[in-house]
Amino acid sequence: MSKRPRRNHSPAFKAKVALAAVKGEKTLAELAQQFDVHPNQITQWKAQLLDGAADVFGAEKAGAATPPVDVRTL
């Protein structure tokens, strides 16, 4: 029996699969068959997406903060 070589999925693919899982229109088994990924992997990606969802809205405020400008040097 030959093993399948290890696959590296792009972040865009992971997001696409996780979003499909969050939508809930198909079962995990259907998604696994459609995307050729194990159902446990889909569950992990879905959990990562839901855990990181708050960072999407919080990152904007953290990234917008600029260091104070020293007016004397200008």
PDB file of N, CA and C in Angstrom:
ATOM      1  N   MET A   1       0.842  -1.180   0.000  1.00  0.00           N
ATOM      2  CA  MET A   1       0.000   0.000   0.000  1.00  0.00           C
ATOM      3  C   MET A   1       0.886   1.242   0.000  1.00  0.00           C
ATOM      4  N   SER A   2       0.655   2.100  -0.954  1.00  0.00           N
ATOM      5  CA  SER A   2       1.467   3.308  -1.039  1.00  0.00           C
ATOM      6  C   SER A   2       0.781   4.451  -0.302  1.00  0.00           C
ATOM      7  N   LYS A   3       1.590   5.246   0.337  1.00  0.00           N
ATOM      8  CA  LYS A   3       1.060   6.402   1.065  1.00  0.00           C
ATOM      9  C   LYS A   3       0.957   7.596   0.129  1.00  0.00           C
ATOM     10  N   ARG A   4       0.002   8.425   0.392  1.00  0.00           N
ATOM     11  CA  ARG A   4      -0.144   9.653  -0.365  1.00  0.00           C
ATOM     12  C   ARG A   4       0.914  10.631   0.125  1.00  0.00           C
ATOM     13  N   PRO A   5       1.585  11.332  -0.772  1.00  0.00           N
ATOM     14  CA  PRO A   5       2.576  12.320  -0.302  1.00  0.00           C
ATOM     15  C   PRO A   5       1.891  13.443   0.464  1.00  0.00           C
ATOM     16  N   ARG A   6       2.621  14.003   1.380  1.00  0.00           N
ATOM     17  CA  ARG A   6       2.073  15.081   2.195  1.00  0.00           C
ATOM     18  C   ARG A   6       1.740  16.281   1.318  1.00  0.00           C
ATOM     19  N   ARG A   7       0.568  16.838   1.545  1.00  0.00           N
ATOM     20  CA  ARG A   7       0.127  17.986   0.745  1.00  0.00           C
ATOM     21  C   ARG A   7       0.154  19.252   1.585  1.00  0.00           C
ATOM     22  N   ASN A   8       0.513  20.334   0.965  1.00  0.00           N
ATOM     23  CA  ASN A   8       0.485  21.650   1.609  1.00  0.00           C
ATOM     24  C   ASN A   8      -0.594  22.467   0.916  1.00  0.00           C
ATOM     25  N   HIS A   9      -1.580  22.878   1.694  1.00  0.00           N
ATOM     26  CA  HIS A   9      -2.681  23.653   1.137  1.00  0.00           C
ATOM     27  C   HIS A   9      -2.430  25.135   1.365  1.00  0.00           C
ATOM     28  N   SER A  10      -2.832  25.918   0.389  1.00  0.00           N
ATOM     29  CA  SER A  10      -2.654  27.365   0.485  1.00  0.00           C
ATOM     30  C   SER A  10      -3.641  27.942   1.494  1.00  0.00           C
ATOM     31  N   PRO A  11      -3.299  29.082   2.069  1.00  0.00           N
ATOM     32  CA  PRO A  11      -4.247  29.729   2.996  1.00  0.00           C
ATOM     33  C   PRO A  11      -5.592  30.057   2.335  1.00  0.00           C
ATOM     34  N   ALA A  12      -5.572  30.379   1.057  1.00  0.00           N
ATOM     35  CA  ALA A  12      -6.823  30.680   0.358  1.00  0.00           C
ATOM     36  C   ALA A  12      -7.707  29.436   0.269  1.00  0.00           C
ATOM     37  N   PHE A  13      -7.100  28.280   0.019  1.00  0.00           N
ATOM     38  CA  PHE A  13      -7.861  27.030  -0.043  1.00  0.00           C
ATOM     39  C   PHE A  13      -8.443  26.685   1.320  1.00  0.00           C
ATOM     40  N   LYS A  14      -7.632  26.852   2.367  1.00  0.00           N
ATOM     41  CA  LYS A  14      -8.092  26.562   3.730  1.00  0.00           C
ATOM     42  C   LYS A  14      -9.272  27.459   4.089  1.00  0.00           C
ATOM     43  N   ALA A  15      -9.176  28.730   3.733  1.00  0.00           N
ATOM     44  CA  ALA A  15     -10.261  29.669   4.032  1.00  0.00           C
ATOM     45  C   ALA A  15     -11.527  29.295   3.278  1.00  0.00           C
ATOM     46  N   LYS A  16     -11.360  28.894   2.032  1.00  0.00           N
ATOM     47  CA  LYS A  16     -12.508  28.506   1.212  1.00  0.00           C
ATOM     48  C   LYS A  16     -13.226  27.306   1.819  1.00  0.00           C
ATOM     49  N   VAL A  17     -12.463  26.298   2.237  1.00  0.00           N
ATOM     50  CA  VAL A  17     -13.044  25.096   2.835  1.00  0.00           C
ATOM     51  C   VAL A  17     -13.691  25.429   4.182  1.00  0.00           C
ATOM     52  N   ALA A  18     -13.002  26.223   5.005  1.00  0.00           N
ATOM     53  CA  ALA A  18     -13.528  26.574   6.324  1.00  0.00           C
ATOM     54  C   ALA A  18     -14.810  27.401   6.203  1.00  0.00           C
ATOM     55  N   LEU A  19     -14.849  28.313   5.261  1.00  0.00           N
ATOM     56  CA  LEU A  19     -16.064  29.113   5.068  1.00  0.00           C
ATOM     57  C   LEU A  19     -17.227  28.242   4.603  1.00  0.00           C
ATOM     58  N   ALA A  20     -16.940  27.270   3.763  1.00  0.00           N
ATOM     59  CA  ALA A  20     -17.988  26.346   3.327  1.00  0.00           C
ATOM     60  C   ALA A  20     -18.514  25.546   4.514  1.00  0.00           C
ATOM     61  N   ALA A  21     -17.618  25.192   5.439  1.00  0.00           N
ATOM     62  CA  ALA A  21     -18.041  24.457   6.634  1.00  0.00           C
ATOM     63  C   ALA A  21     -18.871  25.335   7.561  1.00  0.00           C
ATOM     64  N   VAL A  22     -18.502  26.602   7.671  1.00  0.00           N
ATOM     65  CA  VAL A  22     -19.241  27.523   8.540  1.00  0.00           C
ATOM     66  C   VAL A  22     -20.649  27.767   7.988  1.00  0.00           C
ATOM     67  N   LYS A  23     -20.764  27.830   6.675  1.00  0.00           N
ATOM     68  CA  LYS A  23     -22.078  28.048   6.069  1.00  0.00           C
ATOM     69  C   LYS A  23     -23.057  26.950   6.456  1.00  0.00           C
ATOM     70  N   GLY A  24     -22.573  25.722   6.541  1.00  0.00           N
ATOM     71  CA  GLY A  24     -23.417  24.620   6.966  1.00  0.00           C
ATOM     72  C   GLY A  24     -24.387  24.104   5.922  1.00  0.00           C
ATOM     73  N   GLU A  25     -24.181  24.454   4.665  1.00  0.00           N
ATOM     74  CA  GLU A  25     -25.073  23.987   3.610  1.00  0.00           C
ATOM     75  C   GLU A  25     -24.842  22.516   3.274  1.00  0.00           C
ATOM     76  N   LYS A  26     -23.618  22.018   3.532  1.00  0.00           N
ATOM     77  CA  LYS A  26     -23.273  20.627   3.267  1.00  0.00           C
ATOM     78  C   LYS A  26     -22.700  20.012   4.533  1.00  0.00           C
ATOM     79  N   THR A  27     -22.769  18.701   4.620  1.00  0.00           N
ATOM     80  CA  THR A  27     -22.195  18.010   5.765  1.00  0.00           C
ATOM     81  C   THR A  27     -20.681  17.950   5.627  1.00  0.00           C
ATOM     82  N   LEU A  28     -20.009  17.620   6.731  1.00  0.00           N
ATOM     83  CA  LEU A  28     -18.557  17.479   6.689  1.00  0.00           C
ATOM     84  C   LEU A  28     -18.134  16.402   5.702  1.00  0.00           C
ATOM     85  N   ALA A  29     -18.882  15.320   5.644  1.00  0.00           N
ATOM     86  CA  ALA A  29     -18.551  14.233   4.718  1.00  0.00           C
ATOM     87  C   ALA A  29     -18.648  14.700   3.265  1.00  0.00           C
ATOM     88  N   GLU A  30     -19.664  15.494   2.970  1.00  0.00           N
ATOM     89  CA  GLU A  30     -19.812  16.013   1.600  1.00  0.00           C
ATOM     90  C   GLU A  30     -18.691  16.978   1.260  1.00  0.00           C
ATOM     91  N   LEU A  31     -18.342  17.844   2.206  1.00  0.00           N
ATOM     92  CA  LEU A  31     -17.240  18.780   1.973  1.00  0.00           C
ATOM     93  C   LEU A  31     -15.914  18.055   1.812  1.00  0.00           C
ATOM     94  N   ALA A  32     -15.699  17.021   2.629  1.00  0.00           N
ATOM     95  CA  ALA A  32     -14.467  16.251   2.552  1.00  0.00           C
ATOM     96  C   ALA A  32     -14.327  15.592   1.188  1.00  0.00           C
ATOM     97  N   GLN A  33     -15.418  15.078   0.682  1.00  0.00           N
ATOM     98  CA  GLN A  33     -15.382  14.451  -0.637  1.00  0.00           C
ATOM     99  C   GLN A  33     -15.188  15.498  -1.730  1.00  0.00           C
ATOM    100  N   GLN A  34     -15.843  16.622  -1.600  1.00  0.00           N
ATOM    101  CA  GLN A  34     -15.755  17.677  -2.616  1.00  0.00           C
ATOM    102  C   GLN A  34     -14.336  18.240  -2.710  1.00  0.00           C
ATOM    103  N   PHE A  35     -13.707  18.514  -1.560  1.00  0.00           N
ATOM    104  CA  PHE A  35     -12.392  19.151  -1.542  1.00  0.00           C
ATOM    105  C   PHE A  35     -11.245  18.155  -1.389  1.00  0.00           C
ATOM    106  N   ASP A  36     -11.546  16.856  -1.260  1.00  0.00           N
ATOM    107  CA  ASP A  36     -10.548  15.804  -1.105  1.00  0.00           C
ATOM    108  C   ASP A  36      -9.647  16.073   0.103  1.00  0.00           C
ATOM    109  N   VAL A  37     -10.304  16.349   1.232  1.00  0.00           N
ATOM    110  CA  VAL A  37      -9.619  16.621   2.499  1.00  0.00           C
ATOM    111  C   VAL A  37     -10.333  15.809   3.577  1.00  0.00           C
ATOM    112  N   HIS A  38      -9.602  15.383   4.582  1.00  0.00           N
ATOM    113  CA  HIS A  38     -10.191  14.597   5.672  1.00  0.00           C
ATOM    114  C   HIS A  38     -11.139  15.485   6.498  1.00  0.00           C
ATOM    115  N   PRO A  39     -12.261  14.927   6.957  1.00  0.00           N
ATOM    116  CA  PRO A  39     -13.217  15.719   7.755  1.00  0.00           C
ATOM    117  C   PRO A  39     -12.603  16.330   9.017  1.00  0.00           C
ATOM    118  N   ASN A  40     -11.668  15.623   9.651  1.00  0.00           N
ATOM    119  CA  ASN A  40     -11.015  16.193  10.840  1.00  0.00           C
ATOM    120  C   ASN A  40     -10.236  17.451  10.495  1.00  0.00           C
ATOM    121  N   GLN A  41      -9.628  17.476   9.314  1.00  0.00           N
ATOM    122  CA  GLN A  41      -8.875  18.657   8.880  1.00  0.00           C
ATOM    123  C   GLN A  41      -9.822  19.831   8.669  1.00  0.00           C
ATOM    124  N   ILE A  42     -10.981  19.565   8.109  1.00  0.00           N
ATOM    125  CA  ILE A  42     -11.972  20.625   7.904  1.00  0.00           C
ATOM    126  C   ILE A  42     -12.416  21.189   9.251  1.00  0.00           C
ATOM    127  N   THR A  43     -12.618  20.322  10.220  1.00  0.00           N
ATOM    128  CA  THR A  43     -13.018  20.764  11.558  1.00  0.00           C
ATOM    129  C   THR A  43     -11.948  21.649  12.182  1.00  0.00           C
ATOM    130  N   GLN A  44     -10.684  21.289  12.016  1.00  0.00           N
ATOM    131  CA  GLN A  44      -9.584  22.102  12.562  1.00  0.00           C
ATOM    132  C   GLN A  44      -9.534  23.473  11.892  1.00  0.00           C
ATOM    133  N   TRP A  45      -9.654  23.496  10.572  1.00  0.00           N
ATOM    134  CA  TRP A  45      -9.615  24.770   9.851  1.00  0.00           C
ATOM    135  C   TRP A  45     -10.809  25.648  10.226  1.00  0.00           C
ATOM    136  N   LYS A  46     -11.960  25.040  10.420  1.00  0.00           N
ATOM    137  CA  LYS A  46     -13.158  25.791  10.828  1.00  0.00           C
ATOM    138  C   LYS A  46     -12.942  26.413  12.205  1.00  0.00           C
ATOM    139  N   ALA A  47     -12.366  25.648  13.133  1.00  0.00           N
ATOM    140  CA  ALA A  47     -12.098  26.161  14.476  1.00  0.00           C
ATOM    141  C   ALA A  47     -11.091  27.303  14.429  1.00  0.00           C
ATOM    142  N   GLN A  48     -10.062  27.174  13.597  1.00  0.00           N
ATOM    143  CA  GLN A  48      -9.074  28.247  13.463  1.00  0.00           C
ATOM    144  C   GLN A  48      -9.714  29.506  12.895  1.00  0.00           C
ATOM    145  N   LEU A  49     -10.606  29.332  11.937  1.00  0.00           N
ATOM    146  CA  LEU A  49     -11.290  30.477  11.344  1.00  0.00           C
ATOM    147  C   LEU A  49     -12.150  31.187  12.383  1.00  0.00           C
ATOM    148  N   LEU A  50     -12.898  30.420  13.163  1.00  0.00           N
ATOM    149  CA  LEU A  50     -13.772  31.023  14.163  1.00  0.00           C
ATOM    150  C   LEU A  50     -12.973  31.667  15.289  1.00  0.00           C
ATOM    151  N   ASP A  51     -11.838  31.065  15.673  1.00  0.00           N
ATOM    152  CA  ASP A  51     -10.995  31.652  16.718  1.00  0.00           C
ATOM    153  C   ASP A  51     -10.343  32.949  16.246  1.00  0.00           C
ATOM    154  N   GLY A  52      -9.993  33.021  14.982  1.00  0.00           N
ATOM    155  CA  GLY A  52      -9.308  34.196  14.458  1.00  0.00           C
ATOM    156  C   GLY A  52     -10.233  35.249  13.892  1.00  0.00           C
ATOM    157  N   ALA A  53     -11.521  35.011  13.914  1.00  0.00           N
ATOM    158  CA  ALA A  53     -12.469  35.957  13.319  1.00  0.00           C
ATOM    159  C   ALA A  53     -12.453  37.300  14.042  1.00  0.00           C
ATOM    160  N   ALA A  54     -12.268  37.302  15.347  1.00  0.00           N
ATOM    161  CA  ALA A  54     -12.245  38.557  16.100  1.00  0.00           C
ATOM    162  C   ALA A  54     -11.030  39.392  15.727  1.00  0.00           C
ATOM    163  N   ASP A  55      -9.941  38.751  15.336  1.00  0.00           N
ATOM    164  CA  ASP A  55      -8.736  39.484  14.960  1.00  0.00           C
ATOM    165  C   ASP A  55      -8.931  40.283  13.677  1.00  0.00           C
ATOM    166  N   VAL A  56      -9.852  39.859  12.848  1.00  0.00           N
ATOM    167  CA  VAL A  56     -10.107  40.571  11.594  1.00  0.00           C
ATOM    168  C   VAL A  56     -10.573  41.985  11.890  1.00  0.00           C
ATOM    169  N   PHE A  57     -11.427  42.119  12.889  1.00  0.00           N
ATOM    170  CA  PHE A  57     -11.951  43.434  13.221  1.00  0.00           C
ATOM    171  C   PHE A  57     -11.049  44.178  14.194  1.00  0.00           C
ATOM    172  N   GLY A  58     -10.311  43.473  14.998  1.00  0.00           N
ATOM    173  CA  GLY A  58      -9.428  44.098  15.969  1.00  0.00           C
ATOM    174  C   GLY A  58      -8.106  44.535  15.359  1.00  0.00           C
ATOM    175  N   ALA A  59      -7.675  43.891  14.288  1.00  0.00           N
ATOM    176  CA  ALA A  59      -6.393  44.202  13.663  1.00  0.00           C
ATOM    177  C   ALA A  59      -6.397  45.597  13.040  1.00  0.00           C
ATOM    178  N   GLU A  60      -7.553  46.042  12.620  1.00  0.00           N
ATOM    179  CA  GLU A  60      -7.646  47.354  11.984  1.00  0.00           C
ATOM    180  C   GLU A  60      -7.263  48.466  12.963  1.00  0.00           C
ATOM    181  N   LYS A  61      -7.716  48.341  14.181  1.00  0.00           N
ATOM    182  CA  LYS A  61      -7.406  49.350  15.183  1.00  0.00           C
ATOM    183  C   LYS A  61      -5.943  49.273  15.597  1.00  0.00           C
ATOM    184  N   ALA A  62      -5.420  48.073  15.732  1.00  0.00           N
ATOM    185  CA  ALA A  62      -4.031  47.905  16.150  1.00  0.00           C
ATOM    186  C   ALA A  62      -3.081  48.370  15.052  1.00  0.00           C
ATOM    187  N   GLY A  63      -3.431  48.103  13.798  1.00  0.00           N
ATOM    188  CA  GLY A  63      -2.576  48.501  12.684  1.00  0.00           C
ATOM    189  C   GLY A  63      -2.633  50.004  12.406  1.00  0.00           C
ATOM    190  N   ALA A  64      -3.726  50.646  12.767  1.00  0.00           N
ATOM    191  CA  ALA A  64      -3.903  52.060  12.489  1.00  0.00           C
ATOM    192  C   ALA A  64      -3.168  52.937  13.502  1.00  0.00           C
ATOM    193  N   ALA A  65      -2.803  52.372  14.614  1.00  0.00           N
ATOM    194  CA  ALA A  65      -2.110  53.152  15.640  1.00  0.00           C
ATOM    195  C   ALA A  65      -0.707  53.505  15.150  1.00  0.00           C
ATOM    196  N   THR A  66      -0.443  54.790  15.099  1.00  0.00           N
ATOM    197  CA  THR A  66       0.877  55.240  14.652  1.00  0.00           C
ATOM    198  C   THR A  66       1.649  55.761  15.851  1.00  0.00           C
ATOM    199  N   PRO A  67       2.951  55.647  15.801  1.00  0.00           N
ATOM    200  CA  PRO A  67       3.734  56.160  16.925  1.00  0.00           C
ATOM    201  C   PRO A  67       3.596  57.684  17.009  1.00  0.00           C
ATOM    202  N   PRO A  68       3.702  58.230  18.198  1.00  0.00           N
ATOM    203  CA  PRO A  68       3.573  59.688  18.329  1.00  0.00           C
ATOM    204  C   PRO A  68       4.715  60.398  17.587  1.00  0.00           C
ATOM    205  N   VAL A  69       4.370  61.509  16.968  1.00  0.00           N
ATOM    206  CA  VAL A  69       5.340  62.278  16.214  1.00  0.00           C
ATOM    207  C   VAL A  69       5.964  63.330  17.118  1.00  0.00           C
ATOM    208  N   ASP A  70       7.278  63.414  17.099  1.00  0.00           N
ATOM    209  CA  ASP A  70       7.982  64.417  17.875  1.00  0.00           C
ATOM    210  C   ASP A  70       8.006  65.705  17.056  1.00  0.00           C
ATOM    211  N   VAL A  71       7.219  66.678  17.472  1.00  0.00           N
ATOM    212  CA  VAL A  71       7.062  67.913  16.724  1.00  0.00           C
ATOM    213  C   VAL A  71       8.342  68.736  16.724  1.00  0.00           C
ATOM    214  N   ARG A  72       9.147  68.645  17.773  1.00  0.00           N
ATOM    215  CA  ARG A  72      10.384  69.440  17.856  1.00  0.00           C
ATOM    216  C   ARG A  72      11.372  69.078  16.759  1.00  0.00           C
ATOM    217  N   THR A  73      11.403  67.797  16.372  1.00  0.00           N
ATOM    218  CA  THR A  73      12.356  67.405  15.336  1.00  0.00           C
ATOM    219  C   THR A  73      11.913  67.818  13.955  1.00  0.00           C
ATOM    220  N   LEU A  74      10.628  68.091  13.796  1.00  0.00           N
ATOM    221  CA  LEU A  74      10.133  68.536  12.489  1.00  0.00           C
ATOM    222  C   LEU A  74      10.499  69.977  12.292  1.00  0.00           C
TER     223      LEU A  74
END
